[in-house]
Amino acid sequence: MPDLNPTVGELFKAKAVTDDEVNAAVEAYLAKPETDAHPIADGYSLDLAAAVAEHGWASQVVANPESSPGLKRSAVRTAILLARA
């Protein structure tokens, strides 16, 4: 039986979510961290703010003004891939 609540990473692995869609979600969060319902792929959306807030490391990285933009981008991407769509 398929998982009714897969992670974005599982959807990515199954090719239901593209790299471009994940990158767009990362950019959407970085542009507006309070973004909640973001369409990640056909039939799936993700609360970007909650995804980052629920990932301890990512939330610490984005809150740290000394974190580089690249590190912030990687942390947000990780949080998004681990979040359930």
PDB file of N, CA and C in Angstrom:
ATOM      1  N   MET A   1       0.849  -1.175   0.000  1.00  0.00           N
ATOM      2  CA  MET A   1       0.000   0.000   0.000  1.00  0.00           C
ATOM      3  C   MET A   1       0.900   1.246   0.000  1.00  0.00           C
ATOM      4  N   PRO A   2       0.662   2.182  -0.899  1.00  0.00           N
ATOM      5  CA  PRO A   2       1.494   3.394  -0.950  1.00  0.00           C
ATOM      6  C   PRO A   2       1.279   4.283   0.265  1.00  0.00           C
ATOM      7  N   ASP A   3       2.330   4.993   0.627  1.00  0.00           N
ATOM      8  CA  ASP A   3       2.268   5.932   1.747  1.00  0.00           C
ATOM      9  C   ASP A   3       1.364   7.099   1.365  1.00  0.00           C
ATOM     10  N   LEU A   4       0.350   7.357   2.181  1.00  0.00           N
ATOM     11  CA  LEU A   4      -0.593   8.435   1.891  1.00  0.00           C
ATOM     12  C   LEU A   4      -0.049   9.798   2.275  1.00  0.00           C
ATOM     13  N   ASN A   5       1.050   9.820   3.013  1.00  0.00           N
ATOM     14  CA  ASN A   5       1.643  11.071   3.457  1.00  0.00           C
ATOM     15  C   ASN A   5       3.171  10.989   3.287  1.00  0.00           C
ATOM     16  N   PRO A   6       3.646  10.902   2.043  1.00  0.00           N
ATOM     17  CA  PRO A   6       5.083  10.721   1.812  1.00  0.00           C
ATOM     18  C   PRO A   6       5.882  11.993   2.095  1.00  0.00           C
ATOM     19  N   THR A   7       7.169  11.813   2.339  1.00  0.00           N
ATOM     20  CA  THR A   7       8.043  12.971   2.457  1.00  0.00           C
ATOM     21  C   THR A   7       8.310  13.507   1.054  1.00  0.00           C
ATOM     22  N   VAL A   8       8.734  14.741   0.993  1.00  0.00           N
ATOM     23  CA  VAL A   8       9.095  15.327  -0.301  1.00  0.00           C
ATOM     24  C   VAL A   8      10.266  14.538  -0.896  1.00  0.00           C
ATOM     25  N   GLY A   9      11.171  14.084  -0.042  1.00  0.00           N
ATOM     26  CA  GLY A   9      12.294  13.270  -0.508  1.00  0.00           C
ATOM     27  C   GLY A   9      11.830  11.977  -1.159  1.00  0.00           C
ATOM     28  N   GLU A  10      10.816  11.334  -0.580  1.00  0.00           N
ATOM     29  CA  GLU A  10      10.263  10.111  -1.174  1.00  0.00           C
ATOM     30  C   GLU A  10       9.611  10.423  -2.519  1.00  0.00           C
ATOM     31  N   LEU A  11       8.911  11.544  -2.589  1.00  0.00           N
ATOM     32  CA  LEU A  11       8.304  11.962  -3.855  1.00  0.00           C
ATOM     33  C   LEU A  11       9.379  12.274  -4.889  1.00  0.00           C
ATOM     34  N   PHE A  12      10.473  12.876  -4.438  1.00  0.00           N
ATOM     35  CA  PHE A  12      11.599  13.192  -5.323  1.00  0.00           C
ATOM     36  C   PHE A  12      12.217  11.906  -5.864  1.00  0.00           C
ATOM     37  N   LYS A  13      12.416  10.950  -4.977  1.00  0.00           N
ATOM     38  CA  LYS A  13      13.000   9.667  -5.374  1.00  0.00           C
ATOM     39  C   LYS A  13      12.093   8.944  -6.379  1.00  0.00           C
ATOM     40  N   ALA A  14      10.777   9.084  -6.194  1.00  0.00           N
ATOM     41  CA  ALA A  14       9.808   8.452  -7.091  1.00  0.00           C
ATOM     42  C   ALA A  14       9.583   9.271  -8.359  1.00  0.00           C
ATOM     43  N   LYS A  15      10.299  10.383  -8.474  1.00  0.00           N
ATOM     44  CA  LYS A  15      10.204  11.293  -9.621  1.00  0.00           C
ATOM     45  C   LYS A  15       8.838  11.968  -9.752  1.00  0.00           C
ATOM     46  N   ALA A  16       8.133  12.076  -8.607  1.00  0.00           N
ATOM     47  CA  ALA A  16       6.866  12.797  -8.587  1.00  0.00           C
ATOM     48  C   ALA A  16       7.108  14.281  -8.328  1.00  0.00           C
ATOM     49  N   VAL A  17       8.296  14.608  -7.822  1.00  0.00           N
ATOM     50  CA  VAL A  17       8.724  15.985  -7.583  1.00  0.00           C
ATOM     51  C   VAL A  17      10.072  16.147  -8.271  1.00  0.00           C
ATOM     52  N   THR A  18      10.224  17.233  -8.997  1.00  0.00           N
ATOM     53  CA  THR A  18      11.479  17.473  -9.712  1.00  0.00           C
ATOM     54  C   THR A  18      12.444  18.320  -8.881  1.00  0.00           C
ATOM     55  N   ASP A  19      13.681  18.324  -9.303  1.00  0.00           N
ATOM     56  CA  ASP A  19      14.689  19.165  -8.666  1.00  0.00           C
ATOM     57  C   ASP A  19      14.284  20.636  -8.770  1.00  0.00           C
ATOM     58  N   ASP A  20      13.742  21.023  -9.908  1.00  0.00           N
ATOM     59  CA  ASP A  20      13.294  22.409 -10.095  1.00  0.00           C
ATOM     60  C   ASP A  20      12.181  22.777  -9.107  1.00  0.00           C
ATOM     61  N   GLU A  21      11.277  21.848  -8.840  1.00  0.00           N
ATOM     62  CA  GLU A  21      10.189  22.118  -7.899  1.00  0.00           C
ATOM     63  C   GLU A  21      10.716  22.262  -6.469  1.00  0.00           C
ATOM     64  N   VAL A  22      11.689  21.436  -6.109  1.00  0.00           N
ATOM     65  CA  VAL A  22      12.299  21.554  -4.781  1.00  0.00           C
ATOM     66  C   VAL A  22      13.051  22.883  -4.688  1.00  0.00           C
ATOM     67  N   ASN A  23      13.816  23.213  -5.725  1.00  0.00           N
ATOM     68  CA  ASN A  23      14.547  24.489  -5.733  1.00  0.00           C
ATOM     69  C   ASN A  23      13.591  25.680  -5.647  1.00  0.00           C
ATOM     70  N   ALA A  24      12.455  25.595  -6.325  1.00  0.00           N
ATOM     71  CA  ALA A  24      11.462  26.680  -6.272  1.00  0.00           C
ATOM     72  C   ALA A  24      10.905  26.821  -4.856  1.00  0.00           C
ATOM     73  N   ALA A  25      10.706  25.700  -4.169  1.00  0.00           N
ATOM     74  CA  ALA A  25      10.217  25.750  -2.791  1.00  0.00           C
ATOM     75  C   ALA A  25      11.262  26.390  -1.873  1.00  0.00           C
ATOM     76  N   VAL A  26      12.528  26.047  -2.078  1.00  0.00           N
ATOM     77  CA  VAL A  26      13.609  26.645  -1.287  1.00  0.00           C
ATOM     78  C   VAL A  26      13.632  28.150  -1.502  1.00  0.00           C
ATOM     79  N   GLU A  27      13.587  28.577  -2.745  1.00  0.00           N
ATOM     80  CA  GLU A  27      13.618  30.007  -3.054  1.00  0.00           C
ATOM     81  C   GLU A  27      12.391  30.719  -2.491  1.00  0.00           C
ATOM     82  N   ALA A  28      11.230  30.058  -2.544  1.00  0.00           N
ATOM     83  CA  ALA A  28      10.007  30.655  -1.995  1.00  0.00           C
ATOM     84  C   ALA A  28      10.157  30.871  -0.494  1.00  0.00           C
ATOM     85  N   TYR A  29      10.724  29.886   0.205  1.00  0.00           N
ATOM     86  CA  TYR A  29      10.926  30.046   1.645  1.00  0.00           C
ATOM     87  C   TYR A  29      11.919  31.161   1.931  1.00  0.00           C
ATOM     88  N   LEU A  30      13.040  31.174   1.217  1.00  0.00           N
ATOM     89  CA  LEU A  30      14.064  32.185   1.475  1.00  0.00           C
ATOM     90  C   LEU A  30      13.543  33.596   1.187  1.00  0.00           C
ATOM     91  N   ALA A  31      12.660  33.723   0.208  1.00  0.00           N
ATOM     92  CA  ALA A  31      12.086  35.036  -0.123  1.00  0.00           C
ATOM     93  C   ALA A  31      11.030  35.455   0.893  1.00  0.00           C
ATOM     94  N   LYS A  32      10.305  34.474   1.428  1.00  0.00           N
ATOM     95  CA  LYS A  32       9.202  34.771   2.354  1.00  0.00           C
ATOM     96  C   LYS A  32       9.092  33.613   3.351  1.00  0.00           C
ATOM     97  N   PRO A  33       9.861  33.661   4.457  1.00  0.00           N
ATOM     98  CA  PRO A  33       9.895  32.551   5.412  1.00  0.00           C
ATOM     99  C   PRO A  33       8.560  32.167   6.048  1.00  0.00           C
ATOM    100  N   GLU A  34       7.599  33.052   6.004  1.00  0.00           N
ATOM    101  CA  GLU A  34       6.300  32.714   6.604  1.00  0.00           C
ATOM    102  C   GLU A  34       5.386  31.964   5.631  1.00  0.00           C
ATOM    103  N   THR A  35       5.892  31.587   4.459  1.00  0.00           N
ATOM    104  CA  THR A  35       5.094  30.868   3.462  1.00  0.00           C
ATOM    105  C   THR A  35       4.546  29.584   4.064  1.00  0.00           C
ATOM    106  N   ASP A  36       3.218  29.417   3.942  1.00  0.00           N
ATOM    107  CA  ASP A  36       2.639  28.197   4.478  1.00  0.00           C
ATOM    108  C   ASP A  36       2.299  27.211   3.362  1.00  0.00           C
ATOM    109  N   ALA A  37       1.216  27.359   2.685  1.00  0.00           N
ATOM    110  CA  ALA A  37       0.820  26.396   1.655  1.00  0.00           C
ATOM    111  C   ALA A  37       1.521  26.702   0.333  1.00  0.00           C
ATOM    112  N   HIS A  38       2.518  25.911   0.015  1.00  0.00           N
ATOM    113  CA  HIS A  38       3.256  26.067  -1.241  1.00  0.00           C
ATOM    114  C   HIS A  38       3.049  24.806  -2.070  1.00  0.00           C
ATOM    115  N   PRO A  39       2.549  24.934  -3.302  1.00  0.00           N
ATOM    116  CA  PRO A  39       2.373  23.739  -4.138  1.00  0.00           C
ATOM    117  C   PRO A  39       3.751  23.185  -4.530  1.00  0.00           C
ATOM    118  N   ILE A  40       4.021  21.968  -4.106  1.00  0.00           N
ATOM    119  CA  ILE A  40       5.338  21.373  -4.366  1.00  0.00           C
ATOM    120  C   ILE A  40       5.311  20.527  -5.637  1.00  0.00           C
ATOM    121  N   ALA A  41       4.192  19.898  -5.909  1.00  0.00           N
ATOM    122  CA  ALA A  41       4.027  19.087  -7.127  1.00  0.00           C
ATOM    123  C   ALA A  41       2.536  18.875  -7.328  1.00  0.00           C
ATOM    124  N   ASP A  42       2.186  18.299  -8.459  1.00  0.00           N
ATOM    125  CA  ASP A  42       0.783  18.073  -8.779  1.00  0.00           C
ATOM    126  C   ASP A  42       0.110  17.265  -7.665  1.00  0.00           C
ATOM    127  N   GLY A  43      -0.839  17.900  -6.981  1.00  0.00           N
ATOM    128  CA  GLY A  43      -1.575  17.223  -5.931  1.00  0.00           C
ATOM    129  C   GLY A  43      -0.942  17.294  -4.552  1.00  0.00           C
ATOM    130  N   TYR A  44       0.207  17.925  -4.431  1.00  0.00           N
ATOM    131  CA  TYR A  44       0.899  18.013  -3.146  1.00  0.00           C
ATOM    132  C   TYR A  44       1.254  19.457  -2.841  1.00  0.00           C
ATOM    133  N   SER A  45       1.082  19.828  -1.585  1.00  0.00           N
ATOM    134  CA  SER A  45       1.541  21.134  -1.144  1.00  0.00           C
ATOM    135  C   SER A  45       2.267  20.948   0.181  1.00  0.00           C
ATOM    136  N   LEU A  46       2.999  21.982   0.573  1.00  0.00           N
ATOM    137  CA  LEU A  46       3.837  21.882   1.758  1.00  0.00           C
ATOM    138  C   LEU A  46       3.824  23.201   2.506  1.00  0.00           C
ATOM    139  N   ASP A  47       3.712  23.141   3.808  1.00  0.00           N
ATOM    140  CA  ASP A  47       3.820  24.309   4.666  1.00  0.00           C
ATOM    141  C   ASP A  47       5.310  24.542   4.872  1.00  0.00           C
ATOM    142  N   LEU A  48       5.877  25.445   4.106  1.00  0.00           N
ATOM    143  CA  LEU A  48       7.323  25.669   4.140  1.00  0.00           C
ATOM    144  C   LEU A  48       7.789  26.176   5.496  1.00  0.00           C
ATOM    145  N   ALA A  49       7.051  27.092   6.092  1.00  0.00           N
ATOM    146  CA  ALA A  49       7.432  27.638   7.398  1.00  0.00           C
ATOM    147  C   ALA A  49       7.477  26.527   8.444  1.00  0.00           C
ATOM    148  N   ALA A  50       6.490  25.655   8.436  1.00  0.00           N
ATOM    149  CA  ALA A  50       6.452  24.549   9.399  1.00  0.00           C
ATOM    150  C   ALA A  50       7.564  23.545   9.121  1.00  0.00           C
ATOM    151  N   ALA A  51       7.843  23.279   7.844  1.00  0.00           N
ATOM    152  CA  ALA A  51       8.891  22.324   7.499  1.00  0.00           C
ATOM    153  C   ALA A  51      10.230  22.751   8.080  1.00  0.00           C
ATOM    154  N   VAL A  52      10.550  24.017   7.964  1.00  0.00           N
ATOM    155  CA  VAL A  52      11.824  24.515   8.491  1.00  0.00           C
ATOM    156  C   VAL A  52      11.769  24.603  10.013  1.00  0.00           C
ATOM    157  N   ALA A  53      10.665  25.069  10.566  1.00  0.00           N
ATOM    158  CA  ALA A  53      10.534  25.196  12.019  1.00  0.00           C
ATOM    159  C   ALA A  53      10.644  23.844  12.719  1.00  0.00           C
ATOM    160  N   GLU A  54      10.143  22.801  12.088  1.00  0.00           N
ATOM    161  CA  GLU A  54      10.158  21.465  12.689  1.00  0.00           C
ATOM    162  C   GLU A  54      11.507  20.761  12.544  1.00  0.00           C
ATOM    163  N   HIS A  55      12.387  21.313  11.742  1.00  0.00           N
ATOM    164  CA  HIS A  55      13.717  20.739  11.562  1.00  0.00           C
ATOM    165  C   HIS A  55      14.691  21.589  12.368  1.00  0.00           C
ATOM    166  N   GLY A  56      15.117  21.067  13.509  1.00  0.00           N
ATOM    167  CA  GLY A  56      15.928  21.833  14.455  1.00  0.00           C
ATOM    168  C   GLY A  56      17.150  22.503  13.850  1.00  0.00           C
ATOM    169  N   TRP A  57      17.939  21.744  13.106  1.00  0.00           N
ATOM    170  CA  TRP A  57      19.164  22.302  12.524  1.00  0.00           C
ATOM    171  C   TRP A  57      18.841  23.393  11.518  1.00  0.00           C
ATOM    172  N   ALA A  58      17.878  23.142  10.649  1.00  0.00           N
ATOM    173  CA  ALA A  58      17.532  24.139   9.628  1.00  0.00           C
ATOM    174  C   ALA A  58      17.029  25.427  10.263  1.00  0.00           C
ATOM    175  N   SER A  59      16.201  25.311  11.277  1.00  0.00           N
ATOM    176  CA  SER A  59      15.681  26.521  11.905  1.00  0.00           C
ATOM    177  C   SER A  59      16.788  27.306  12.599  1.00  0.00           C
ATOM    178  N   GLN A  60      17.776  26.626  13.168  1.00  0.00           N
ATOM    179  CA  GLN A  60      18.912  27.318  13.781  1.00  0.00           C
ATOM    180  C   GLN A  60      19.770  28.010  12.728  1.00  0.00           C
ATOM    181  N   VAL A  61      19.997  27.334  11.619  1.00  0.00           N
ATOM    182  CA  VAL A  61      20.835  27.896  10.551  1.00  0.00           C
ATOM    183  C   VAL A  61      20.197  29.151   9.973  1.00  0.00           C
ATOM    184  N   VAL A  62      18.906  29.091   9.655  1.00  0.00           N
ATOM    185  CA  VAL A  62      18.278  30.262   9.028  1.00  0.00           C
ATOM    186  C   VAL A  62      18.128  31.421  10.011  1.00  0.00           C
ATOM    187  N   ALA A  63      18.089  31.126  11.296  1.00  0.00           N
ATOM    188  CA  ALA A  63      17.970  32.191  12.298  1.00  0.00           C
ATOM    189  C   ALA A  63      19.313  32.853  12.601  1.00  0.00           C
ATOM    190  N   ASN A  64      20.401  32.204  12.234  1.00  0.00           N
ATOM    191  CA  ASN A  64      21.732  32.717  12.536  1.00  0.00           C
ATOM    192  C   ASN A  64      22.168  33.715  11.460  1.00  0.00           C
ATOM    193  N   PRO A  65      22.335  34.981  11.797  1.00  0.00           N
ATOM    194  CA  PRO A  65      22.733  35.967  10.788  1.00  0.00           C
ATOM    195  C   PRO A  65      24.137  35.729  10.223  1.00  0.00           C
ATOM    196  N   GLU A  66      24.924  34.907  10.894  1.00  0.00           N
ATOM    197  CA  GLU A  66      26.269  34.614  10.402  1.00  0.00           C
ATOM    198  C   GLU A  66      26.309  33.445   9.426  1.00  0.00           C
ATOM    199  N   SER A  67      25.181  32.744   9.260  1.00  0.00           N
ATOM    200  CA  SER A  67      25.126  31.639   8.302  1.00  0.00           C
ATOM    201  C   SER A  67      25.213  32.176   6.882  1.00  0.00           C
ATOM    202  N   SER A  68      25.983  31.517   6.064  1.00  0.00           N
ATOM    203  CA  SER A  68      26.121  31.935   4.670  1.00  0.00           C
ATOM    204  C   SER A  68      24.832  31.626   3.900  1.00  0.00           C
ATOM    205  N   PRO A  69      24.605  32.340   2.805  1.00  0.00           N
ATOM    206  CA  PRO A  69      23.422  32.053   1.988  1.00  0.00           C
ATOM    207  C   PRO A  69      23.392  30.602   1.490  1.00  0.00           C
ATOM    208  N   GLY A  70      24.550  30.066   1.142  1.00  0.00           N
ATOM    209  CA  GLY A  70      24.616  28.680   0.678  1.00  0.00           C
ATOM    210  C   GLY A  70      24.235  27.687   1.759  1.00  0.00           C
ATOM    211  N   LEU A  71      24.686  27.937   2.978  1.00  0.00           N
ATOM    212  CA  LEU A  71      24.341  27.063   4.096  1.00  0.00           C
ATOM    213  C   LEU A  71      22.849  27.151   4.387  1.00  0.00           C
ATOM    214  N   LYS A  72      22.305  28.357   4.350  1.00  0.00           N
ATOM    215  CA  LYS A  72      20.868  28.522   4.571  1.00  0.00           C
ATOM    216  C   LYS A  72      20.073  27.770   3.509  1.00  0.00           C
ATOM    217  N   ARG A  73      20.494  27.892   2.266  1.00  0.00           N
ATOM    218  CA  ARG A  73      19.812  27.213   1.158  1.00  0.00           C
ATOM    219  C   ARG A  73      19.848  25.692   1.365  1.00  0.00           C
ATOM    220  N   SER A  74      20.995  25.171   1.749  1.00  0.00           N
ATOM    221  CA  SER A  74      21.135  23.724   1.973  1.00  0.00           C
ATOM    222  C   SER A  74      20.277  23.254   3.149  1.00  0.00           C
ATOM    223  N   ALA A  75      20.252  24.039   4.215  1.00  0.00           N
ATOM    224  CA  ALA A  75      19.458  23.674   5.391  1.00  0.00           C
ATOM    225  C   ALA A  75      17.969  23.658   5.053  1.00  0.00           C
ATOM    226  N   VAL A  76      17.521  24.660   4.319  1.00  0.00           N
ATOM    227  CA  VAL A  76      16.104  24.723   3.931  1.00  0.00           C
ATOM    228  C   VAL A  76      15.765  23.557   3.001  1.00  0.00           C
ATOM    229  N   ARG A  77      16.632  23.249   2.075  1.00  0.00           N
ATOM    230  CA  ARG A  77      16.411  22.136   1.154  1.00  0.00           C
ATOM    231  C   ARG A  77      16.291  20.820   1.928  1.00  0.00           C
ATOM    232  N   THR A  78      17.167  20.621   2.906  1.00  0.00           N
ATOM    233  CA  THR A  78      17.117  19.419   3.727  1.00  0.00           C
ATOM    234  C   THR A  78      15.785  19.324   4.467  1.00  0.00           C
ATOM    235  N   ALA A  79      15.367  20.426   5.081  1.00  0.00           N
ATOM    236  CA  ALA A  79      14.109  20.439   5.818  1.00  0.00           C
ATOM    237  C   ALA A  79      12.929  20.140   4.896  1.00  0.00           C
ATOM    238  N   ILE A  80      12.958  20.689   3.702  1.00  0.00           N
ATOM    239  CA  ILE A  80      11.879  20.453   2.741  1.00  0.00           C
ATOM    240  C   ILE A  80      11.850  18.985   2.303  1.00  0.00           C
ATOM    241  N   LEU A  81      13.001  18.422   2.001  1.00  0.00           N
ATOM    242  CA  LEU A  81      13.044  17.023   1.570  1.00  0.00           C
ATOM    243  C   LEU A  81      12.585  16.059   2.656  1.00  0.00           C
ATOM    244  N   LEU A  82      12.798  16.415   3.915  1.00  0.00           N
ATOM    245  CA  LEU A  82      12.393  15.538   5.019  1.00  0.00           C
ATOM    246  C   LEU A  82      10.945  15.761   5.470  1.00  0.00           C
ATOM    247  N   ALA A  83      10.337  16.842   5.002  1.00  0.00           N
ATOM    248  CA  ALA A  83       8.962  17.160   5.407  1.00  0.00           C
ATOM    249  C   ALA A  83       7.953  16.287   4.654  1.00  0.00           C
ATOM    250  N   ARG A  84       6.832  16.083   5.303  1.00  0.00           N
ATOM    251  CA  ARG A  84       5.742  15.330   4.670  1.00  0.00           C
ATOM    252  C   ARG A  84       4.869  16.284   3.866  1.00  0.00           C
ATOM    253  N   ALA A  85       4.604  15.897   2.643  1.00  0.00           N
ATOM    254  CA  ALA A  85       3.804  16.728   1.736  1.00  0.00           C
ATOM    255  C   ALA A  85       2.334  16.620   2.058  1.00  0.00           C
TER     256      ALA A  85
END
